[in-house]
């Protein structure tokens, strides 16, 4: 199945991070969190209340695929950033 990068995806979290992902072909369990990072945009030129940040997770799924997932802020929809495998 081909998904466009930045496509909305369904992510189940356990309160700490992603625990399962559905890319349109059924829910697949997250085997491992490879990396987690936050990117802040415009911090050098905007007031704190207007800053944008993205929460990124690189995860390894039980089926062997590796994904970069992100969301703009807590509660926002999850997006697919990149996929290997």
Protein backbone atom coordinates (compact mmCIF):
# COMPACT_ATOMS: atom_id res chain seq x y z
CA UNK A 1 0.00 0.00 0.00
CA UNK A 2 1.40 3.39 -0.98
CA UNK A 3 0.79 6.27 1.37
CA UNK A 4 1.68 9.88 0.72
CA UNK A 5 4.14 11.32 3.18
CA UNK A 6 2.31 13.66 5.58
CA UNK A 7 -0.81 11.49 5.24
CA UNK A 8 -2.93 11.27 8.37
CA UNK A 9 -2.57 7.90 10.13
CA UNK A 10 -4.28 6.31 13.13
CA UNK A 11 -1.95 5.97 16.12
CA UNK A 12 -2.80 4.40 19.47
CA UNK A 13 -0.71 5.66 22.37
CA UNK A 14 -0.08 4.24 25.81
CA UNK A 15 0.34 7.63 27.45
CA UNK A 16 4.09 7.74 26.79
CA UNK A 17 4.23 7.22 23.05
CA UNK A 18 2.88 5.23 20.09
CA UNK A 19 1.90 1.62 20.83
CA UNK A 20 0.13 0.69 17.55
CA UNK A 21 -0.31 2.21 14.10
CA UNK A 22 -2.85 1.75 11.31
CA UNK A 23 -1.58 2.83 7.88
CA UNK A 24 -4.78 1.68 6.22
CA UNK A 25 -3.97 -2.04 6.20
CA UNK A 26 -4.91 -2.84 9.79
CA UNK A 27 -3.51 -2.07 13.22
CA UNK A 28 0.13 -3.11 13.73
CA UNK A 29 1.83 -3.14 17.14
CA UNK A 30 4.86 -0.94 17.78
CA UNK A 31 7.74 -3.24 18.73
CA UNK A 32 10.22 -0.54 19.70
CA UNK A 33 10.62 3.22 19.98
CA UNK A 34 13.85 3.93 18.13
CA UNK A 35 13.98 7.66 18.76
CA UNK A 36 11.86 10.58 19.96
CA UNK A 37 12.57 14.26 19.31
CA UNK A 38 10.83 17.64 19.23
CA UNK A 39 11.37 20.27 16.53
CA UNK A 40 10.50 23.85 17.44
CA UNK A 41 9.93 26.28 14.58
CA UNK A 42 10.31 30.04 14.76
CA UNK A 43 11.58 30.13 18.35
CA UNK A 44 14.04 32.86 17.43
CA UNK A 45 11.45 35.29 16.05
CA UNK A 46 8.07 34.70 17.64
CA UNK A 47 6.65 35.15 21.13
CA UNK A 48 6.45 31.90 23.16
CA UNK A 49 2.65 31.63 22.84
CA UNK A 50 2.91 31.62 19.00
CA UNK A 51 5.72 29.07 18.62
CA UNK A 52 5.04 25.87 16.74
CA UNK A 53 6.53 22.52 17.67
CA UNK A 54 6.30 19.01 16.28
CA UNK A 55 6.64 15.83 18.27
CA UNK A 56 8.46 13.14 16.21
CA UNK A 57 8.71 9.40 16.90
CA UNK A 58 10.77 6.86 14.94
CA UNK A 59 9.17 3.47 15.61
CA UNK A 60 9.79 -0.12 14.54
CA UNK A 61 6.62 -2.11 13.91
CA UNK A 62 6.07 -5.83 14.53
CA UNK A 63 5.87 -6.39 10.76
CA UNK A 64 9.40 -4.97 10.25
CA UNK A 65 8.50 -1.53 8.89
CA UNK A 66 10.20 1.51 10.38
CA UNK A 67 8.26 4.78 10.48
CA UNK A 68 8.74 8.39 11.36
CA UNK A 69 5.48 9.67 12.85
CA UNK A 70 4.76 13.21 13.97
CA UNK A 71 2.04 15.46 15.33
CA UNK A 72 1.93 19.23 15.54
CA UNK A 73 0.94 19.28 19.22
CA UNK A 74 -0.65 17.03 21.81
CA UNK A 75 -4.14 16.10 20.73
CA UNK A 76 -3.43 16.85 17.06
CA UNK A 77 -3.74 14.18 14.40
CA UNK A 78 -0.75 11.97 13.68
CA UNK A 79 1.02 12.12 10.31
CA UNK A 80 3.40 9.82 8.47
CA UNK A 81 6.76 11.51 7.93
CA UNK A 82 8.75 8.62 6.44
CA UNK A 83 8.58 4.85 6.01
CA UNK A 84 11.17 2.12 5.42
CA UNK A 85 10.53 -1.55 4.73
